[in-house]
C-alpha atoms as a PDB file:
ATOM      1  CA  UNK A   1     204.051 111.666-170.857  1.00  0.00           C
ATOM      2  CA  UNK A   2     200.294 111.422-170.864  1.00  0.00           C
ATOM      3  CA  UNK A   3     198.536 108.113-170.880  1.00  0.00           C
ATOM      4  CA  UNK A   4     197.050 107.258-174.289  1.00  0.00           C
ATOM      5  CA  UNK A   5     193.261 107.360-174.487  1.00  0.00           C
ATOM      6  CA  UNK A   6     191.150 104.254-175.014  1.00  0.00           C
ATOM      7  CA  UNK A   7     190.851 103.255-178.673  1.00  0.00           C
ATOM      8  CA  UNK A   8     187.580 104.200-180.394  1.00  0.00           C
ATOM      9  CA  UNK A   9     186.701 100.526-180.903  1.00  0.00           C
ATOM     10  CA  UNK A  10     186.197 100.141-177.153  1.00  0.00           C
ATOM     11  CA  UNK A  11     183.671 102.993-177.126  1.00  0.00           C
ATOM     12  CA  UNK A  12     181.923 101.527-180.170  1.00  0.00           C
ATOM     13  CA  UNK A  13     181.840  98.109-178.560  1.00  0.00           C
ATOM     14  CA  UNK A  14     180.265  99.605-175.410  1.00  0.00           C
ATOM     15  CA  UNK A  15     177.632 101.425-177.477  1.00  0.00           C
ATOM     16  CA  UNK A  16     176.918  98.260-179.474  1.00  0.00           C
ATOM     17  CA  UNK A  17     176.658  96.277-176.239  1.00  0.00           C
ATOM     18  CA  UNK A  18     174.213  98.745-174.720  1.00  0.00           C
ATOM     19  CA  UNK A  19     172.105  98.762-177.890  1.00  0.00           C
ATOM     20  CA  UNK A  20     172.022  94.946-177.916  1.00  0.00           C
ATOM     21  CA  UNK A  21     171.041  94.880-174.263  1.00  0.00           C
ATOM     22  CA  UNK A  22     168.174  97.314-174.937  1.00  0.00           C
ATOM     23  CA  UNK A  23     167.063  95.337-177.989  1.00  0.00           C
ATOM     24  CA  UNK A  24     166.900  92.087-176.046  1.00  0.00           C
ATOM     25  CA  UNK A  25     165.106  93.770-173.110  1.00  0.00           C
ATOM     26  CA  UNK A  26     162.575  95.311-175.508  1.00  0.00           C
ATOM     27  CA  UNK A  27     161.879  91.950-177.132  1.00  0.00           C
ATOM     28  CA  UNK A  28     161.548  90.265-173.771  1.00  0.00           C
ATOM     29  CA  UNK A  29     158.958  92.907-172.830  1.00  0.00           C
ATOM     30  CA  UNK A  30     156.942  92.038-175.966  1.00  0.00           C
ATOM     31  CA  UNK A  31     157.940  94.993-178.173  1.00  0.00           C
ATOM     32  CA  UNK A  32     156.880  93.895-181.691  1.00  0.00           C
ATOM     33  CA  UNK A  33     159.103  96.307-183.703  1.00  0.00           C
ATOM     34  CA  UNK A  34     162.100  95.140-181.626  1.00  0.00           C
ATOM     35  CA  UNK A  35     161.187  91.497-182.321  1.00  0.00           C
ATOM     36  CA  UNK A  36     160.919  92.209-186.036  1.00  0.00           C
ATOM     37  CA  UNK A  37     164.364  93.864-185.940  1.00  0.00           C
ATOM     38  CA  UNK A  38     165.835  90.858-184.142  1.00  0.00           C
ATOM     39  CA  UNK A  39     164.490  88.547-186.871  1.00  0.00           C
ATOM     40  CA  UNK A  40     165.763  90.845-189.671  1.00  0.00           C
ATOM     41  CA  UNK A  41     169.258  90.932-188.170  1.00  0.00           C
ATOM     42  CA  UNK A  42     169.615  87.222-187.434  1.00  0.00           C
ATOM     43  CA  UNK A  43     167.317  85.203-189.688  1.00  0.00           C
ATOM     44  CA  UNK A  44     169.738  84.868-192.599  1.00  0.00           C
ATOM     45  CA  UNK A  45     172.647  83.370-190.663  1.00  0.00           C
ATOM     46  CA  UNK A  46     170.325  81.176-188.573  1.00  0.00           C
ATOM     47  CA  UNK A  47     169.041  79.674-191.818  1.00  0.00           C
ATOM     48  CA  UNK A  48     172.638  79.061-192.851  1.00  0.00           C
ATOM     49  CA  UNK A  49     173.194  77.228-189.534  1.00  0.00           C
ATOM     50  CA  UNK A  50     170.167  75.036-190.256  1.00  0.00           C
ATOM     51  CA  UNK A  51     171.423  74.287-193.772  1.00  0.00           C
ATOM     52  CA  UNK A  52     174.952  73.697-192.557  1.00  0.00           C
ATOM     53  CA  UNK A  53     173.727  71.060-190.102  1.00  0.00           C
ATOM     54  CA  UNK A  54     171.040  69.316-192.168  1.00  0.00           C
ATOM     55  CA  UNK A  55     172.466  69.748-195.674  1.00  0.00           C
ATOM     56  CA  UNK A  56     168.873  70.000-196.826  1.00  0.00           C
ATOM     57  CA  UNK A  57     167.822  73.346-198.302  1.00  0.00           C
ATOM     58  CA  UNK A  58     164.240  72.096-198.651  1.00  0.00           C
ATOM     59  CA  UNK A  59     164.037  71.738-194.869  1.00  0.00           C
ATOM     60  CA  UNK A  60     165.348  75.224-194.017  1.00  0.00           C
ATOM     61  CA  UNK A  61     162.053  77.200-194.053  1.00  0.00           C
ATOM     62  CA  UNK A  62     160.173  74.818-191.797  1.00  0.00           C
ATOM     63  CA  UNK A  63     163.031  74.397-189.326  1.00  0.00           C
ATOM     64  CA  UNK A  64     163.702  78.130-189.273  1.00  0.00           C
ATOM     65  CA  UNK A  65     160.073  78.687-188.249  1.00  0.00           C
ATOM     66  CA  UNK A  66     160.543  76.150-185.451  1.00  0.00           C
ATOM     67  CA  UNK A  67     163.711  77.946-184.374  1.00  0.00           C
ATOM     68  CA  UNK A  68     161.949  81.291-184.072  1.00  0.00           C
ATOM     69  CA  UNK A  69     159.056  79.759-182.137  1.00  0.00           C
ATOM     70  CA  UNK A  70     161.570  78.327-179.699  1.00  0.00           C
ATOM     71  CA  UNK A  71     163.396  81.672-179.507  1.00  0.00           C
ATOM     72  CA  UNK A  72     160.203  83.482-178.483  1.00  0.00           C
ATOM     73  CA  UNK A  73     159.372  80.774-175.967  1.00  0.00           C
ATOM     74  CA  UNK A  74     162.815  80.757-174.369  1.00  0.00           C
ATOM     75  CA  UNK A  75     164.135  84.289-174.766  1.00  0.00           C
ATOM     76  CA  UNK A  76     163.328  85.155-171.151  1.00  0.00           C
ATOM     77  CA  UNK A  77     165.942  82.577-170.118  1.00  0.00           C
ATOM     78  CA  UNK A  78     168.707  84.641-171.802  1.00  0.00           C
ATOM     79  CA  UNK A  79     170.312  86.496-168.863  1.00  0.00           C
ATOM     80  CA  UNK A  80     173.286  87.976-170.694  1.00  0.00           C
ATOM     81  CA  UNK A  81     172.277  89.812-173.929  1.00  0.00           C
ATOM     82  CA  UNK A  82     175.953  89.875-174.965  1.00  0.00           C
ATOM     83  CA  UNK A  83     175.638  86.118-175.513  1.00  0.00           C
ATOM     84  CA  UNK A  84     172.644  86.546-177.863  1.00  0.00           C
ATOM     85  CA  UNK A  85     174.442  85.285-180.967  1.00  0.00           C
ATOM     86  CA  UNK A  86     175.800  82.185-179.266  1.00  0.00           C
ATOM     87  CA  UNK A  87     172.451  81.527-177.623  1.00  0.00           C
ATOM     88  CA  UNK A  88     170.582  81.842-180.947  1.00  0.00           C
ATOM     89  CA  UNK A  89     173.144  79.554-182.572  1.00  0.00           C
ATOM     90  CA  UNK A  90     172.555  76.945-179.874  1.00  0.00           C
ATOM     91  CA  UNK A  91     168.753  77.080-180.330  1.00  0.00           C
ATOM     92  CA  UNK A  92     169.093  76.816-184.100  1.00  0.00           C
ATOM     93  CA  UNK A  93     171.625  73.979-183.953  1.00  0.00           C
ATOM     94  CA  UNK A  94     169.516  71.850-181.602  1.00  0.00           C
ATOM     95  CA  UNK A  95     166.350  72.518-183.536  1.00  0.00           C
ATOM     96  CA  UNK A  96     168.061  71.558-186.803  1.00  0.00           C
ATOM     97  CA  UNK A  97     169.496  68.351-185.354  1.00  0.00           C
ATOM     98  CA  UNK A  98     166.172  67.351-183.759  1.00  0.00           C
ATOM     99  CA  UNK A  99     164.110  68.180-186.835  1.00  0.00           C
ATOM    100  CA  UNK A 100     166.611  66.521-189.157  1.00  0.00           C
ATOM    101  CA  UNK A 101     166.587  63.285-187.180  1.00  0.00           C
ATOM    102  CA  UNK A 102     162.789  63.291-186.954  1.00  0.00           C
ATOM    103  CA  UNK A 103     162.338  63.877-190.683  1.00  0.00           C
ATOM    104  CA  UNK A 104     164.838  61.227-191.676  1.00  0.00           C
ATOM    105  CA  UNK A 105     163.171  58.691-189.436  1.00  0.00           C
ATOM    106  CA  UNK A 106     159.781  59.625-190.817  1.00  0.00           C
ATOM    107  CA  UNK A 107     160.437  59.577-194.559  1.00  0.00           C
ATOM    108  CA  UNK A 108     164.051  58.436-195.112  1.00  0.00           C
ATOM    109  CA  UNK A 109     164.476  60.898-197.944  1.00  0.00           C
ATOM    110  CA  UNK A 110     167.816  62.174-199.255  1.00  0.00           C
ATOM    111  CA  UNK A 111     168.713  65.501-200.817  1.00  0.00           C
ATOM    112  CA  UNK A 112     167.089  66.598-204.015  1.00  0.00           C
ATOM    113  CA  UNK A 113     168.518  69.079-206.468  1.00  0.00           C
ATOM    114  CA  UNK A 114     164.986  70.088-207.430  1.00  0.00           C
ATOM    115  CA  UNK A 115     164.793  72.272-204.344  1.00  0.00           C
ATOM    116  CA  UNK A 116     168.321  73.726-204.294  1.00  0.00           C
ATOM    117  CA  UNK A 117     168.380  77.541-203.986  1.00  0.00           C
ATOM    118  CA  UNK A 118     170.766  79.678-205.960  1.00  0.00           C
ATOM    119  CA  UNK A 119     173.839  80.698-204.081  1.00  0.00           C
ATOM    120  CA  UNK A 120     173.783  84.152-205.632  1.00  0.00           C
ATOM    121  CA  UNK A 121     171.888  86.037-208.242  1.00  0.00           C
ATOM    122  CA  UNK A 122     173.764  85.826-211.544  1.00  0.00           C
ATOM    123  CA  UNK A 123     172.967  87.781-214.683  1.00  0.00           C
ATOM    124  CA  UNK A 124     173.844  86.036-217.918  1.00  0.00           C
ATOM    125  CA  UNK A 125     173.952  87.477-221.388  1.00  0.00           C
ATOM    126  CA  UNK A 126     172.400  84.450-223.096  1.00  0.00           C
ATOM    127  CA  UNK A 127     170.110  81.516-222.328  1.00  0.00           C
ATOM    128  CA  UNK A 128     173.016  79.134-222.832  1.00  0.00           C
ATOM    129  CA  UNK A 129     175.013  81.052-220.248  1.00  0.00           C
ATOM    130  CA  UNK A 130     172.113  80.864-217.801  1.00  0.00           C
ATOM    131  CA  UNK A 131     171.822  77.098-218.238  1.00  0.00           C
ATOM    132  CA  UNK A 132     175.547  76.618-217.709  1.00  0.00           C
ATOM    133  CA  UNK A 133     175.455  78.842-214.620  1.00  0.00           C
ATOM    134  CA  UNK A 134     172.513  76.837-213.194  1.00  0.00           C
ATOM    135  CA  UNK A 135     174.396  73.580-213.776  1.00  0.00           C
ATOM    136  CA  UNK A 136     177.512  74.995-212.088  1.00  0.00           C
ATOM    137  CA  UNK A 137     175.484  76.118-209.037  1.00  0.00           C
ATOM    138  CA  UNK A 138     173.756  72.768-208.807  1.00  0.00           C
ATOM    139  CA  UNK A 139     177.128  70.983-208.963  1.00  0.00           C
ATOM    140  CA  UNK A 140     178.636  73.170-206.285  1.00  0.00           C
ATOM    141  CA  UNK A 141     175.673  72.879-203.958  1.00  0.00           C
ATOM    142  CA  UNK A 142     175.550  69.094-204.441  1.00  0.00           C
ATOM    143  CA  UNK A 143     179.166  68.981-203.312  1.00  0.00           C
ATOM    144  CA  UNK A 144     178.496  71.200-200.295  1.00  0.00           C
ATOM    145  CA  UNK A 145     175.535  69.007-199.359  1.00  0.00           C
ATOM    146  CA  UNK A 146     177.770  65.933-199.531  1.00  0.00           C
ATOM    147  CA  UNK A 147     180.239  67.305-196.986  1.00  0.00           C
ATOM    148  CA  UNK A 148     180.017  65.717-193.567  1.00  0.00           C
ATOM    149  CA  UNK A 149     178.200  68.035-191.148  1.00  0.00           C
ATOM    150  CA  UNK A 150     181.425  68.360-189.166  1.00  0.00           C
ATOM    151  CA  UNK A 151     182.925  70.285-192.123  1.00  0.00           C
ATOM    152  CA  UNK A 152     179.770  71.615-193.811  1.00  0.00           C
ATOM    153  CA  UNK A 153     178.669  73.661-190.781  1.00  0.00           C
ATOM    154  CA  UNK A 154     181.789  75.858-190.479  1.00  0.00           C
ATOM    155  CA  UNK A 155     182.104  75.997-194.281  1.00  0.00           C
ATOM    156  CA  UNK A 156     178.629  77.448-194.707  1.00  0.00           C
ATOM    157  CA  UNK A 157     179.147  79.959-191.910  1.00  0.00           C
ATOM    158  CA  UNK A 158     182.491  81.053-193.365  1.00  0.00           C
ATOM    159  CA  UNK A 159     181.751  81.110-197.097  1.00  0.00           C
ATOM    160  CA  UNK A 160     178.009  81.868-197.231  1.00  0.00           C
ATOM    161  CA  UNK A 161     177.694  84.117-194.131  1.00  0.00           C
ATOM    162  CA  UNK A 162     181.277  85.493-194.086  1.00  0.00           C
ATOM    163  CA  UNK A 163     181.792  84.809-190.391  1.00  0.00           C
ATOM    164  CA  UNK A 164     185.303  85.161-189.038  1.00  0.00           C
ATOM    165  CA  UNK A 165     187.165  82.117-187.722  1.00  0.00           C
ATOM    166  CA  UNK A 166     186.796  83.569-184.187  1.00  0.00           C
ATOM    167  CA  UNK A 167     183.018  83.940-184.528  1.00  0.00           C
ATOM    168  CA  UNK A 168     182.681  80.373-185.825  1.00  0.00           C
ATOM    169  CA  UNK A 169     184.897  79.094-183.026  1.00  0.00           C
ATOM    170  CA  UNK A 170     182.916  80.960-180.400  1.00  0.00           C
ATOM    171  CA  UNK A 171     179.589  79.502-181.553  1.00  0.00           C
ATOM    172  CA  UNK A 172     180.881  75.994-182.141  1.00  0.00           C
ATOM    173  CA  UNK A 173     182.899  75.979-178.928  1.00  0.00           C
ATOM    174  CA  UNK A 174     186.111  75.272-180.823  1.00  0.00           C
ATOM    175  CA  UNK A 175     189.566  76.808-180.846  1.00  0.00           C
ATOM    176  CA  UNK A 176     190.295  78.939-183.921  1.00  0.00           C
ATOM    177  CA  UNK A 177     192.965  76.416-184.985  1.00  0.00           C
ATOM    178  CA  UNK A 178     190.338  73.669-185.090  1.00  0.00           C
ATOM    179  CA  UNK A 179     188.024  75.853-187.156  1.00  0.00           C
ATOM    180  CA  UNK A 180     190.928  76.511-189.569  1.00  0.00           C
ATOM    181  CA  UNK A 181     191.643  72.787-189.779  1.00  0.00           C
ATOM    182  CA  UNK A 182     188.036  71.895-190.534  1.00  0.00           C
ATOM    183  CA  UNK A 183     187.773  74.594-193.190  1.00  0.00           C
ATOM    184  CA  UNK A 184     190.964  73.374-194.864  1.00  0.00           C
ATOM    185  CA  UNK A 185     189.598  69.843-194.802  1.00  0.00           C
ATOM    186  CA  UNK A 186     186.238  71.010-196.180  1.00  0.00           C
ATOM    187  CA  UNK A 187     187.871  72.804-199.078  1.00  0.00           C
ATOM    188  CA  UNK A 188     190.102  69.782-199.774  1.00  0.00           C
ATOM    189  CA  UNK A 189     187.053  67.487-199.864  1.00  0.00           C
ATOM    190  CA  UNK A 190     185.248  69.873-202.181  1.00  0.00           C
ATOM    191  CA  UNK A 191     188.245  70.006-204.540  1.00  0.00           C
ATOM    192  CA  UNK A 192     188.285  66.212-204.650  1.00  0.00           C
ATOM    193  CA  UNK A 193     184.538  65.964-205.343  1.00  0.00           C
ATOM    194  CA  UNK A 194     184.652  68.721-207.988  1.00  0.00           C
ATOM    195  CA  UNK A 195     187.840  67.613-209.701  1.00  0.00           C
ATOM    196  CA  UNK A 196     187.276  67.635-213.440  1.00  0.00           C
ATOM    197  CA  UNK A 197     183.806  69.189-213.029  1.00  0.00           C
ATOM    198  CA  UNK A 198     184.511  72.755-211.759  1.00  0.00           C
ATOM    199  CA  UNK A 199     187.626  74.881-211.582  1.00  0.00           C
ATOM    200  CA  UNK A 200     188.193  75.338-207.795  1.00  0.00           C
END
């Protein structure tokens, strides 16, 4: 009986790994199109990391700029391109923590709903529907902001960026079971905060 061949996913993973290695090498050499591609592929979830840690959507743009500056300054230190995602996460997480602490010390402000972004684009048939939808989004985002960072961070990665439990665990350095526990707790806290306000 012949030995079964390697599954296609292994070949795909090898190709993906080689492409990632080339992309990182090109960026490290100063290739501008490669750098632009790196930003396009990772900027969205890095912003979610910043939001998940700070809980402040009005801080995301400024901190994300700081993150990318640090990425360009430190990318030569990345020796294993396969760890790019975890490395980017670490840079974003530390930048968000540092910037958040500095801003809070400086101005002591708390979250403001005036600057909350929409979670998703929603088309409504009437102005009344649009107002109700805006109020619903504001209520949901206020609740997400109120979550402790311990729970908000994995919640944002899971439900806004659609990361798997394994991906979240890899970046946070947590077992999958702990990720599951924190997500269950986050959803429970949200249900408690939104009880009587939103059907969850």
